[in-house]
Amino acid sequence: MPNIKSAKKRVLVNKAKALRNQAAKSELKTAIKKFNAACDAGDKAAANELYKAAVKKVDQAVARGILHKNNAAHKKSSFTLKYNSIQNA
């Protein structure tokens, strides 16, 4: 446990940021799971809405520094391929 005042503050700030990042990651994973479930079910209307939501969450995660931009591009590319495959089916 830190003794210096500034170090104590850093512990508190880091704890708050970790919780915020954890919540954002959880929202991202939930959006991705919902999109994948809609695609697996073949529901085109739901997949359309969930695709937009998943891409938005990925972009927000990049802006917050939770995901690397290349990782986000890879995820969005795979979403698009999956989305297009059910649209053409």
C-alpha atoms as a PDB file:
ATOM      1  CA  MET A   1       0.000   0.000   0.000  1.00  0.00           C
ATOM      2  CA  PRO A   2       1.440   3.384  -0.936  1.00  0.00           C
ATOM      3  CA  ASN A   3       2.386   5.921   1.717  1.00  0.00           C
ATOM      4  CA  ILE A   4       2.781   8.988  -0.489  1.00  0.00           C
ATOM      5  CA  LYS A   5      -0.330  11.066  -1.120  1.00  0.00           C
ATOM      6  CA  SER A   6       0.077  11.195  -4.900  1.00  0.00           C
ATOM      7  CA  ALA A   7       0.653   7.438  -5.062  1.00  0.00           C
ATOM      8  CA  LYS A   8      -2.533   6.852  -3.044  1.00  0.00           C
ATOM      9  CA  LYS A   9      -4.422   9.010  -5.526  1.00  0.00           C
ATOM     10  CA  ARG A  10      -2.968   7.072  -8.462  1.00  0.00           C
ATOM     11  CA  VAL A  11      -4.275   3.826  -6.935  1.00  0.00           C
ATOM     12  CA  LEU A  12      -7.777   5.290  -6.692  1.00  0.00           C
ATOM     13  CA  VAL A  13      -7.685   6.795 -10.187  1.00  0.00           C
ATOM     14  CA  ASN A  14      -6.373   3.572 -11.721  1.00  0.00           C
ATOM     15  CA  LYS A  15      -9.111   1.591  -9.987  1.00  0.00           C
ATOM     16  CA  ALA A  16     -11.795   3.911 -11.385  1.00  0.00           C
ATOM     17  CA  LYS A  17     -10.326   3.748 -14.899  1.00  0.00           C
ATOM     18  CA  ALA A  18     -10.082  -0.046 -14.730  1.00  0.00           C
ATOM     19  CA  LEU A  19     -13.776  -0.264 -13.853  1.00  0.00           C
ATOM     20  CA  ARG A  20     -14.683   2.082 -16.703  1.00  0.00           C
ATOM     21  CA  ASN A  21     -12.602   0.056 -19.172  1.00  0.00           C
ATOM     22  CA  GLN A  22     -14.094  -3.179 -17.897  1.00  0.00           C
ATOM     23  CA  ALA A  23     -17.631  -1.860 -18.447  1.00  0.00           C
ATOM     24  CA  ALA A  24     -16.771  -0.695 -21.972  1.00  0.00           C
ATOM     25  CA  LYS A  25     -15.213  -4.073 -22.827  1.00  0.00           C
ATOM     26  CA  SER A  26     -18.300  -5.839 -21.517  1.00  0.00           C
ATOM     27  CA  GLU A  27     -20.603  -3.672 -23.666  1.00  0.00           C
ATOM     28  CA  LEU A  28     -18.413  -4.381 -26.692  1.00  0.00           C
ATOM     29  CA  LYS A  29     -18.482  -8.147 -26.120  1.00  0.00           C
ATOM     30  CA  THR A  30     -22.256  -8.073 -25.612  1.00  0.00           C
ATOM     31  CA  ALA A  31     -22.814  -6.172 -28.871  1.00  0.00           C
ATOM     32  CA  ILE A  32     -20.608  -8.647 -30.746  1.00  0.00           C
ATOM     33  CA  LYS A  33     -22.383 -11.667 -29.235  1.00  0.00           C
ATOM     34  CA  LYS A  34     -25.815 -10.251 -30.121  1.00  0.00           C
ATOM     35  CA  PHE A  35     -24.727  -9.617 -33.722  1.00  0.00           C
ATOM     36  CA  ASN A  36     -23.272 -13.122 -34.040  1.00  0.00           C
ATOM     37  CA  ALA A  37     -26.445 -14.651 -32.603  1.00  0.00           C
ATOM     38  CA  ALA A  38     -28.631 -12.757 -35.082  1.00  0.00           C
ATOM     39  CA  CYS A  39     -26.403 -13.860 -37.965  1.00  0.00           C
ATOM     40  CA  ASP A  40     -26.475 -17.485 -36.830  1.00  0.00           C
ATOM     41  CA  ALA A  41     -30.275 -17.319 -36.606  1.00  0.00           C
ATOM     42  CA  GLY A  42     -30.432 -15.802 -40.086  1.00  0.00           C
ATOM     43  CA  ASP A  43     -32.473 -12.794 -38.952  1.00  0.00           C
ATOM     44  CA  LYS A  44     -31.623 -10.159 -41.572  1.00  0.00           C
ATOM     45  CA  ALA A  45     -33.539  -7.261 -39.980  1.00  0.00           C
ATOM     46  CA  ALA A  46     -32.043  -7.762 -36.529  1.00  0.00           C
ATOM     47  CA  ALA A  47     -28.594  -8.386 -37.984  1.00  0.00           C
ATOM     48  CA  ASN A  48     -28.776  -5.048 -39.823  1.00  0.00           C
ATOM     49  CA  GLU A  49     -29.401  -3.089 -36.607  1.00  0.00           C
ATOM     50  CA  LEU A  50     -26.953  -5.135 -34.555  1.00  0.00           C
ATOM     51  CA  TYR A  51     -24.266  -4.789 -37.228  1.00  0.00           C
ATOM     52  CA  LYS A  52     -24.459  -1.011 -36.943  1.00  0.00           C
ATOM     53  CA  ALA A  53     -24.392  -1.209 -33.140  1.00  0.00           C
ATOM     54  CA  ALA A  54     -21.408  -3.594 -33.090  1.00  0.00           C
ATOM     55  CA  VAL A  55     -19.383  -1.438 -35.493  1.00  0.00           C
ATOM     56  CA  LYS A  56     -20.181   1.644 -33.423  1.00  0.00           C
ATOM     57  CA  LYS A  57     -19.064  -0.070 -30.198  1.00  0.00           C
ATOM     58  CA  VAL A  58     -15.803  -1.157 -31.842  1.00  0.00           C
ATOM     59  CA  ASP A  59     -15.132   2.408 -33.015  1.00  0.00           C
ATOM     60  CA  GLN A  60     -15.866   3.737 -29.529  1.00  0.00           C
ATOM     61  CA  ALA A  61     -13.482   1.183 -28.015  1.00  0.00           C
ATOM     62  CA  VAL A  62     -10.728   2.418 -30.349  1.00  0.00           C
ATOM     63  CA  ALA A  63     -11.434   6.026 -29.395  1.00  0.00           C
ATOM     64  CA  ARG A  64     -11.164   5.115 -25.701  1.00  0.00           C
ATOM     65  CA  GLY A  65      -7.933   3.197 -26.238  1.00  0.00           C
ATOM     66  CA  ILE A  66      -9.435  -0.174 -25.358  1.00  0.00           C
ATOM     67  CA  LEU A  67      -8.774  -1.735 -28.773  1.00  0.00           C
ATOM     68  CA  HIS A  68      -5.962  -1.175 -31.230  1.00  0.00           C
ATOM     69  CA  LYS A  69      -7.116   0.313 -34.535  1.00  0.00           C
ATOM     70  CA  ASN A  70      -5.874  -2.701 -36.515  1.00  0.00           C
ATOM     71  CA  ASN A  71      -7.717  -5.069 -34.202  1.00  0.00           C
ATOM     72  CA  ALA A  72     -10.859  -2.994 -34.728  1.00  0.00           C
ATOM     73  CA  ALA A  73     -10.409  -3.064 -38.499  1.00  0.00           C
ATOM     74  CA  HIS A  74     -10.076  -6.851 -38.373  1.00  0.00           C
ATOM     75  CA  LYS A  75     -13.238  -7.178 -36.270  1.00  0.00           C
ATOM     76  CA  LYS A  76     -15.244  -4.845 -38.512  1.00  0.00           C
ATOM     77  CA  SER A  77     -14.064  -6.692 -41.606  1.00  0.00           C
ATOM     78  CA  SER A  78     -15.206 -10.020 -40.186  1.00  0.00           C
ATOM     79  CA  PHE A  79     -18.560  -8.472 -39.169  1.00  0.00           C
ATOM     80  CA  THR A  80     -19.034  -7.196 -42.713  1.00  0.00           C
ATOM     81  CA  LEU A  81     -18.208 -10.566 -44.265  1.00  0.00           C
ATOM     82  CA  LYS A  82     -20.645 -12.315 -41.942  1.00  0.00           C
ATOM     83  CA  TYR A  83     -23.334  -9.681 -42.508  1.00  0.00           C
ATOM     84  CA  ASN A  84     -22.961  -9.868 -46.298  1.00  0.00           C
ATOM     85  CA  SER A  85     -23.106 -13.657 -46.255  1.00  0.00           C
ATOM     86  CA  ILE A  86     -26.563 -13.647 -44.607  1.00  0.00           C
ATOM     87  CA  GLN A  87     -27.801 -10.817 -46.848  1.00  0.00           C
ATOM     88  CA  ASN A  88     -26.910 -12.803 -49.967  1.00  0.00           C
ATOM     89  CA  ALA A  89     -28.262 -16.080 -48.623  1.00  0.00           C
END
